PDB file of N, CA and C in Angstrom:
ATOM      1  N   MET A   1    -161.378 -25.823  79.790  1.00  0.00           N
ATOM      2  CA  MET A   1    -161.674 -25.082  78.534  1.00  0.00           C
ATOM      3  C   MET A   1    -163.030 -24.620  78.445  1.00  0.00           C
ATOM      4  N   THR A   2    -163.926 -25.353  78.956  1.00  0.00           N
ATOM      5  CA  THR A   2    -165.304 -24.810  79.068  1.00  0.00           C
ATOM      6  C   THR A   2    -165.566 -23.716  79.902  1.00  0.00           C
ATOM      7  N   GLY A   3    -164.812 -23.692  81.073  1.00  0.00           N
ATOM      8  CA  GLY A   3    -165.055 -22.494  81.982  1.00  0.00           C
ATOM      9  C   GLY A   3    -164.444 -21.259  81.289  1.00  0.00           C
ATOM     10  N   GLY A   4    -163.373 -21.379  80.478  1.00  0.00           N
ATOM     11  CA  GLY A   4    -162.787 -20.167  79.895  1.00  0.00           C
ATOM     12  C   GLY A   4    -163.740 -19.767  78.880  1.00  0.00           C
ATOM     13  N   LEU A   5    -164.392 -20.601  78.057  1.00  0.00           N
ATOM     14  CA  LEU A   5    -165.345 -20.204  76.991  1.00  0.00           C
ATOM     15  C   LEU A   5    -166.492 -19.472  77.588  1.00  0.00           C
ATOM     16  N   ILE A   6    -166.986 -19.941  78.746  1.00  0.00           N
ATOM     17  CA  ILE A   6    -168.123 -19.414  79.372  1.00  0.00           C
ATOM     18  C   ILE A   6    -167.873 -18.008  79.795  1.00  0.00           C
ATOM     19  N   ALA A   7    -166.556 -17.770  80.352  1.00  0.00           N
ATOM     20  CA  ALA A   7    -166.148 -16.549  80.802  1.00  0.00           C
ATOM     21  C   ALA A   7    -166.074 -15.565  79.741  1.00  0.00           C
ATOM     22  N   ILE A   8    -165.527 -15.957  78.519  1.00  0.00           N
ATOM     23  CA  ILE A   8    -165.503 -15.096  77.445  1.00  0.00           C
ATOM     24  C   ILE A   8    -166.839 -14.813  76.709  1.00  0.00           C
ATOM     25  N   VAL A   9    -167.712 -15.658  76.813  1.00  0.00           N
ATOM     26  CA  VAL A   9    -169.105 -15.378  76.307  1.00  0.00           C
ATOM     27  C   VAL A   9    -169.824 -14.418  77.282  1.00  0.00           C
ATOM     28  N   ILE A  10    -169.727 -14.568  78.560  1.00  0.00           N
ATOM     29  CA  ILE A  10    -170.212 -13.571  79.484  1.00  0.00           C
ATOM     30  C   ILE A  10    -169.698 -12.285  79.391  1.00  0.00           C
ATOM     31  N   THR A  11    -168.398 -12.177  79.128  1.00  0.00           N
ATOM     32  CA  THR A  11    -167.685 -10.860  78.971  1.00  0.00           C
ATOM     33  C   THR A  11    -168.244 -10.230  77.671  1.00  0.00           C
ATOM     34  N   LEU A  12    -168.301 -11.012  76.624  1.00  0.00           N
ATOM     35  CA  LEU A  12    -168.920 -10.354  75.447  1.00  0.00           C
ATOM     36  C   LEU A  12    -170.287  -9.919  75.563  1.00  0.00           C
ATOM     37  N   ILE A  13    -171.083 -10.609  76.214  1.00  0.00           N
ATOM     38  CA  ILE A  13    -172.496 -10.282  76.439  1.00  0.00           C
ATOM     39  C   ILE A  13    -172.536  -9.081  77.155  1.00  0.00           C
ATOM     40  N   VAL A  14    -171.651  -8.874  78.330  1.00  0.00           N
ATOM     41  CA  VAL A  14    -171.707  -7.658  79.147  1.00  0.00           C
ATOM     42  C   VAL A  14    -171.218  -6.519  78.398  1.00  0.00           C
ATOM     43  N   VAL A  15    -170.144  -6.615  77.502  1.00  0.00           N
ATOM     44  CA  VAL A  15    -169.635  -5.519  76.668  1.00  0.00           C
ATOM     45  C   VAL A  15    -170.594  -5.213  75.623  1.00  0.00           C
ATOM     46  N   GLY A  16    -171.266  -6.168  75.054  1.00  0.00           N
ATOM     47  CA  GLY A  16    -172.366  -5.852  74.065  1.00  0.00           C
ATOM     48  C   GLY A  16    -173.482  -5.121  74.627  1.00  0.00           C
ATOM     49  N   GLY A  17    -173.920  -5.438  75.853  1.00  0.00           N
ATOM     50  CA  GLY A  17    -174.917  -4.809  76.548  1.00  0.00           C
ATOM     51  C   GLY A  17    -174.639  -3.226  76.800  1.00  0.00           C
ATOM     52  N   ILE A  18    -173.387  -3.095  77.362  1.00  0.00           N
ATOM     53  CA  ILE A  18    -172.961  -1.815  77.651  1.00  0.00           C
ATOM     54  C   ILE A  18    -172.905  -1.006  76.329  1.00  0.00           C
ATOM     55  N   SER A  19    -172.334  -1.474  75.289  1.00  0.00           N
ATOM     56  CA  SER A  19    -172.218  -0.843  73.965  1.00  0.00           C
ATOM     57  C   SER A  19    -173.635  -0.462  73.544  1.00  0.00           C
ATOM     58  N   LEU A  20    -174.531  -1.315  73.529  1.00  0.00           N
ATOM     59  CA  LEU A  20    -175.929  -1.106  73.089  1.00  0.00           C
ATOM     60  C   LEU A  20    -176.641  -0.040  73.959  1.00  0.00           C
ATOM     61  N   SER A  21    -176.395  -0.016  75.248  1.00  0.00           N
ATOM     62  CA  SER A  21    -177.062   0.945  76.089  1.00  0.00           C
ATOM     63  C   SER A  21    -176.448   2.403  75.702  1.00  0.00           C
ATOM     64  N   THR A  22    -175.075   2.380  75.520  1.00  0.00           N
ATOM     65  CA  THR A  22    -174.494   3.671  75.201  1.00  0.00           C
ATOM     66  C   THR A  22    -174.955   4.266  73.969  1.00  0.00           C
ATOM     67  N   THR A  23    -174.957   3.452  73.041  1.00  0.00           N
ATOM     68  CA  THR A  23    -175.583   3.875  71.521  1.00  0.00           C
ATOM     69  C   THR A  23    -176.955   4.303  71.753  1.00  0.00           C
ATOM     70  N   ALA A  24    -177.772   3.526  72.351  1.00  0.00           N
ATOM     71  CA  ALA A  24    -179.202   4.000  72.587  1.00  0.00           C
ATOM     72  C   ALA A  24    -179.265   5.315  73.309  1.00  0.00           C
ATOM     73  N   TYR A  25    -178.483   5.548  74.339  1.00  0.00           N
ATOM     74  CA  TYR A  25    -178.539   6.706  75.069  1.00  0.00           C
ATOM     75  C   TYR A  25    -178.180   7.939  74.162  1.00  0.00           C
ATOM     76  N   PHE A  26    -177.164   7.890  73.407  1.00  0.00           N
ATOM     77  CA  PHE A  26    -176.788   8.978  72.602  1.00  0.00           C
ATOM     78  C   PHE A  26    -177.713   9.171  71.376  1.00  0.00           C
ATOM     79  N   THR A  27    -178.293   8.163  70.862  1.00  0.00           N
ATOM     80  CA  THR A  27    -179.458   8.162  69.903  1.00  0.00           C
ATOM     81  C   THR A  27    -180.583   8.983  70.558  1.00  0.00           C
ATOM     82  N   LEU A  28    -181.038   8.641  71.705  1.00  0.00           N
ATOM     83  CA  LEU A  28    -182.031   9.277  72.378  1.00  0.00           C
ATOM     84  C   LEU A  28    -181.639  10.859  72.690  1.00  0.00           C
ATOM     85  N   GLN A  29    -180.495  11.217  72.990  1.00  0.00           N
ATOM     86  CA  GLN A  29    -180.112  12.571  73.243  1.00  0.00           C
ATOM     87  C   GLN A  29    -180.214  13.286  71.817  1.00  0.00           C
ATOM     88  N   ARG A  30    -179.740  12.676  70.745  1.00  0.00           N
ATOM     89  CA  ARG A  30    -179.990  13.307  69.423  1.00  0.00           C
ATOM     90  C   ARG A  30    -181.378  13.560  69.013  1.00  0.00           C
ATOM     91  N   HIS A  31    -182.196  12.541  69.299  1.00  0.00           N
ATOM     92  CA  HIS A  31    -183.704  12.794  69.086  1.00  0.00           C
ATOM     93  C   HIS A  31    -184.322  13.954  69.872  1.00  0.00           C
ATOM     94  N   ARG A  32    -183.894  13.969  71.152  1.00  0.00           N
ATOM     95  CA  ARG A  32    -184.371  15.088  71.994  1.00  0.00           C
ATOM     96  C   ARG A  32    -183.921  16.411  71.426  1.00  0.00           C
ATOM     97  N   ALA A  33    -182.652  16.524  70.976  1.00  0.00           N
ATOM     98  CA  ALA A  33    -182.130  17.722  70.378  1.00  0.00           C
ATOM     99  C   ALA A  33    -182.958  18.087  69.163  1.00  0.00           C
ATOM    100  N   ASP A  34    -183.288  17.063  68.318  1.00  0.00           N
ATOM    101  CA  ASP A  34    -184.070  17.325  67.121  1.00  0.00           C
ATOM    102  C   ASP A  34    -185.426  17.815  67.439  1.00  0.00           C
ATOM    103  N   ALA A  35    -185.886  17.265  68.502  1.00  0.00           N
ATOM    104  CA  ALA A  35    -187.371  17.731  68.896  1.00  0.00           C
ATOM    105  C   ALA A  35    -187.435  19.154  69.381  1.00  0.00           C
ATOM    106  N   VAL A  36    -186.500  19.591  70.070  1.00  0.00           N
ATOM    107  CA  VAL A  36    -186.333  20.936  70.502  1.00  0.00           C
ATOM    108  C   VAL A  36    -186.188  21.849  69.246  1.00  0.00           C
ATOM    109  N   ALA A  37    -185.322  21.334  68.302  1.00  0.00           N
ATOM    110  CA  ALA A  37    -185.166  22.235  67.182  1.00  0.00           C
ATOM    111  C   ALA A  37    -186.471  22.382  66.285  1.00  0.00           C
ATOM    112  N   MET A  38    -187.215  21.221  66.173  1.00  0.00           N
ATOM    113  CA  MET A  38    -188.510  21.168  65.579  1.00  0.00           C
ATOM    114  C   MET A  38    -189.467  22.086  66.181  1.00  0.00           C
ATOM    115  N   ALA A  39    -189.411  22.102  67.490  1.00  0.00           N
ATOM    116  CA  ALA A  39    -190.397  22.940  68.352  1.00  0.00           C
ATOM    117  C   ALA A  39    -190.044  24.413  67.956  1.00  0.00           C
ATOM    118  N   GLY A  40    -188.778  24.765  67.829  1.00  0.00           N
ATOM    119  CA  GLY A  40    -188.365  26.084  67.541  1.00  0.00           C
ATOM    120  C   GLY A  40    -188.825  26.529  66.012  1.00  0.00           C
ATOM    121  N   TYR A  41    -188.748  25.596  65.162  1.00  0.00           N
ATOM    122  CA  TYR A  41    -189.127  25.748  63.790  1.00  0.00           C
ATOM    123  C   TYR A  41    -190.571  26.007  63.708  1.00  0.00           C
ATOM    124  N   ARG A  42    -191.401  25.174  64.454  1.00  0.00           N
ATOM    125  CA  ARG A  42    -192.758  25.170  64.491  1.00  0.00           C
ATOM    126  C   ARG A  42    -193.223  26.600  65.045  1.00  0.00           C
ATOM    127  N   LYS A  43    -192.622  27.125  66.012  1.00  0.00           N
ATOM    128  CA  LYS A  43    -192.907  28.339  66.612  1.00  0.00           C
ATOM    129  C   LYS A  43    -192.610  29.466  65.488  1.00  0.00           C
ATOM    130  N   LEU A  44    -191.523  29.364  64.868  1.00  0.00           N
ATOM    131  CA  LEU A  44    -191.146  30.402  63.887  1.00  0.00           C
ATOM    132  C   LEU A  44    -192.238  30.349  62.743  1.00  0.00           C
ATOM    133  N   ALA A  45    -192.654  29.237  62.329  1.00  0.00           N
ATOM    134  CA  ALA A  45    -193.674  28.992  61.251  1.00  0.00           C
ATOM    135  C   ALA A  45    -194.949  29.686  61.689  1.00  0.00           C
ATOM    136  N   GLU A  46    -195.280  29.474  62.877  1.00  0.00           N
ATOM    137  CA  GLU A  46    -196.616  30.100  63.379  1.00  0.00           C
ATOM    138  C   GLU A  46    -196.516  31.554  63.457  1.00  0.00           C
ATOM    139  N   GLU A  47    -195.318  32.056  63.803  1.00  0.00           N
ATOM    140  CA  GLU A  47    -195.161  33.628  63.861  1.00  0.00           C
ATOM    141  C   GLU A  47    -195.185  34.082  62.425  1.00  0.00           C
ATOM    142  N   ALA A  48    -194.567  33.389  61.452  1.00  0.00           N
ATOM    143  CA  ALA A  48    -194.698  33.792  59.972  1.00  0.00           C
ATOM    144  C   ALA A  48    -195.963  33.802  59.546  1.00  0.00           C
ATOM    145  N   VAL A  49    -196.836  32.818  59.928  1.00  0.00           N
ATOM    146  CA  VAL A  49    -198.259  32.801  59.522  1.00  0.00           C
ATOM    147  C   VAL A  49    -199.090  34.041  60.094  1.00  0.00           C
ATOM    148  N   ALA A  50    -198.776  34.223  61.309  1.00  0.00           N
ATOM    149  CA  ALA A  50    -199.469  35.474  61.876  1.00  0.00           C
ATOM    150  C   ALA A  50    -199.066  36.701  61.291  1.00  0.00           C
ATOM    151  N   ASN A  51    -197.734  36.858  61.077  1.00  0.00           N
ATOM    152  CA  ASN A  51    -197.306  38.080  60.452  1.00  0.00           C
ATOM    153  C   ASN A  51    -197.818  38.220  59.025  1.00  0.00           C
ATOM    154  N   GLN A  52    -197.945  37.156  58.160  1.00  0.00           N
ATOM    155  CA  GLN A  52    -198.427  37.088  56.946  1.00  0.00           C
ATOM    156  C   GLN A  52    -199.888  37.633  56.939  1.00  0.00           C
ATOM    157  N   SER A  53    -200.671  37.074  57.865  1.00  0.00           N
ATOM    158  CA  SER A  53    -202.167  37.470  58.007  1.00  0.00           C
ATOM    159  C   SER A  53    -202.234  38.956  58.244  1.00  0.00           C
ATOM    160  N   ALA A  54    -201.353  39.517  59.183  1.00  0.00           N
ATOM    161  CA  ALA A  54    -201.429  40.920  59.483  1.00  0.00           C
ATOM    162  C   ALA A  54    -201.064  41.718  58.303  1.00  0.00           C
ATOM    163  N   LEU A  55    -200.060  41.294  57.563  1.00  0.00           N
ATOM    164  CA  LEU A  55    -199.816  42.141  56.461  1.00  0.00           C
ATOM    165  C   LEU A  55    -200.716  42.026  55.362  1.00  0.00           C
ATOM    166  N   GLN A  56    -201.466  40.848  55.187  1.00  0.00           N
ATOM    167  CA  GLN A  56    -202.447  40.779  54.286  1.00  0.00           C
ATOM    168  C   GLN A  56    -203.604  41.636  54.566  1.00  0.00           C
ATOM    169  N   ALA A  57    -204.011  41.812  55.768  1.00  0.00           N
ATOM    170  CA  ALA A  57    -205.059  42.696  56.206  1.00  0.00           C
ATOM    171  C   ALA A  57    -204.642  44.174  56.014  1.00  0.00           C
ATOM    172  N   GLU A  58    -203.408  44.452  56.322  1.00  0.00           N
ATOM    173  CA  GLU A  58    -202.957  45.818  56.112  1.00  0.00           C
ATOM    174  C   GLU A  58    -202.918  46.265  54.654  1.00  0.00           C
ATOM    175  N   LEU A  59    -202.562  45.222  53.774  1.00  0.00           N
ATOM    176  CA  LEU A  59    -202.608  45.448  52.302  1.00  0.00           C
ATOM    177  C   LEU A  59    -204.065  45.606  51.889  1.00  0.00           C
ATOM    178  N   LYS A  60    -204.964  44.959  52.368  1.00  0.00           N
ATOM    179  CA  LYS A  60    -206.324  45.002  51.929  1.00  0.00           C
ATOM    180  C   LYS A  60    -206.808  46.492  52.310  1.00  0.00           C
ATOM    181  N   GLU A  61    -206.444  46.948  53.534  1.00  0.00           N
ATOM    182  CA  GLU A  61    -206.858  48.295  53.946  1.00  0.00           C
ATOM    183  C   GLU A  61    -206.271  49.355  53.010  1.00  0.00           C
ATOM    184  N   LEU A  62    -204.972  49.160  52.709  1.00  0.00           N
ATOM    185  CA  LEU A  62    -204.296  50.166  51.790  1.00  0.00           C
ATOM    186  C   LEU A  62    -204.877  50.134  50.360  1.00  0.00           C
ATOM    187  N   SER A  63    -205.346  48.971  49.997  1.00  0.00           N
ATOM    188  CA  SER A  63    -205.972  48.854  48.648  1.00  0.00           C
ATOM    189  C   SER A  63    -207.260  49.643  48.627  1.00  0.00           C
ATOM    190  N   GLY A  64    -207.972  49.557  49.653  1.00  0.00           N
ATOM    191  CA  GLY A  64    -209.269  50.287  49.937  1.00  0.00           C
ATOM    192  C   GLY A  64    -209.023  51.825  49.835  1.00  0.00           C
ATOM    193  N   ARG A  65    -207.939  52.266  50.505  1.00  0.00           N
ATOM    194  CA  ARG A  65    -207.676  53.746  50.593  1.00  0.00           C
ATOM    195  C   ARG A  65    -207.210  54.042  49.209  1.00  0.00           C
ATOM    196  N   VAL A  66    -206.383  53.406  48.511  1.00  0.00           N
ATOM    197  CA  VAL A  66    -205.926  53.741  47.165  1.00  0.00           C
ATOM    198  C   VAL A  66    -207.169  53.813  46.143  1.00  0.00           C
ATOM    199  N   ALA A  67    -208.074  52.897  46.357  1.00  0.00           N
ATOM    200  CA  ALA A  67    -209.326  52.871  45.491  1.00  0.00           C
ATOM    201  C   ALA A  67    -210.091  54.303  45.752  1.00  0.00           C
ATOM    202  N   ALA A  68    -210.150  54.606  46.992  1.00  0.00           N
ATOM    203  CA  ALA A  68    -210.909  55.784  47.475  1.00  0.00           C
ATOM    204  C   ALA A  68    -210.213  57.090  46.877  1.00  0.00           C
ATOM    205  N   VAL A  69    -208.914  57.036  46.977  1.00  0.00           N
ATOM    206  CA  VAL A  69    -208.154  58.284  46.411  1.00  0.00           C
ATOM    207  C   VAL A  69    -208.293  58.245  44.856  1.00  0.00           C
ATOM    208  N   GLU A  70    -208.157  57.156  44.245  1.00  0.00           N
ATOM    209  CA  GLU A  70    -208.485  57.124  42.756  1.00  0.00           C
ATOM    210  C   GLU A  70    -209.820  57.632  42.375  1.00  0.00           C
ATOM    211  N   ALA A  71    -210.877  57.098  43.118  1.00  0.00           N
ATOM    212  CA  ALA A  71    -212.178  57.627  42.889  1.00  0.00           C
ATOM    213  C   ALA A  71    -212.344  59.153  43.087  1.00  0.00           C
ATOM    214  N   LEU A  72    -211.686  59.640  44.168  1.00  0.00           N
ATOM    215  CA  LEU A  72    -211.665  61.119  44.430  1.00  0.00           C
ATOM    216  C   LEU A  72    -210.967  61.896  43.230  1.00  0.00           C
ATOM    217  N   LEU A  73    -209.894  61.306  42.750  1.00  0.00           N
ATOM    218  CA  LEU A  73    -209.109  62.003  41.631  1.00  0.00           C
ATOM    219  C   LEU A  73    -210.026  62.031  40.350  1.00  0.00           C
ATOM    220  N   ARG A  74    -210.621  60.863  40.159  1.00  0.00           N
ATOM    221  CA  ARG A  74    -211.461  60.775  39.020  1.00  0.00           C
ATOM    222  C   ARG A  74    -212.653  61.716  39.065  1.00  0.00           C
ATOM    223  N   SER A  75    -213.128  61.939  40.149  1.00  0.00           N
ATOM    224  CA  SER A  75    -214.352  62.904  40.243  1.00  0.00           C
ATOM    225  C   SER A  75    -213.931  64.360  40.180  1.00  0.00           C
ATOM    226  N   VAL A  76    -212.677  64.597  40.655  1.00  0.00           N
ATOM    227  CA  VAL A  76    -212.123  65.945  40.443  1.00  0.00           C
ATOM    228  C   VAL A  76    -211.772  66.281  39.024  1.00  0.00           C
ATOM    229  N   ASP A  77    -211.221  65.235  38.350  1.00  0.00           N
ATOM    230  CA  ASP A  77    -210.756  65.344  36.953  1.00  0.00           C
ATOM    231  C   ASP A  77    -211.928  65.520  36.101  1.00  0.00           C
ATOM    232  N   GLU A  78    -213.084  65.072  36.360  1.00  0.00           N
ATOM    233  CA  GLU A  78    -214.161  65.161  35.484  1.00  0.00           C
ATOM    234  C   GLU A  78    -214.858  66.393  35.507  1.00  0.00           C
TER     235      GLU A  78
END
């Protein structure tokens, strides 16, 4: 009776270890996929910031040109 109980306990420990290892492996794979996705989002965010800075500089330049044209029109109108 004791030998059978020991065999069952050992079998349960082995099955539990295999189950835990499998679960840990797939959890690790999911975290790796999430890390890759986050790296892609980070790159996209950096590109968005760079594009926004370029647009802001272009808008500033265009505002200066519009101000110069307005000043020219005011001087011609007077």
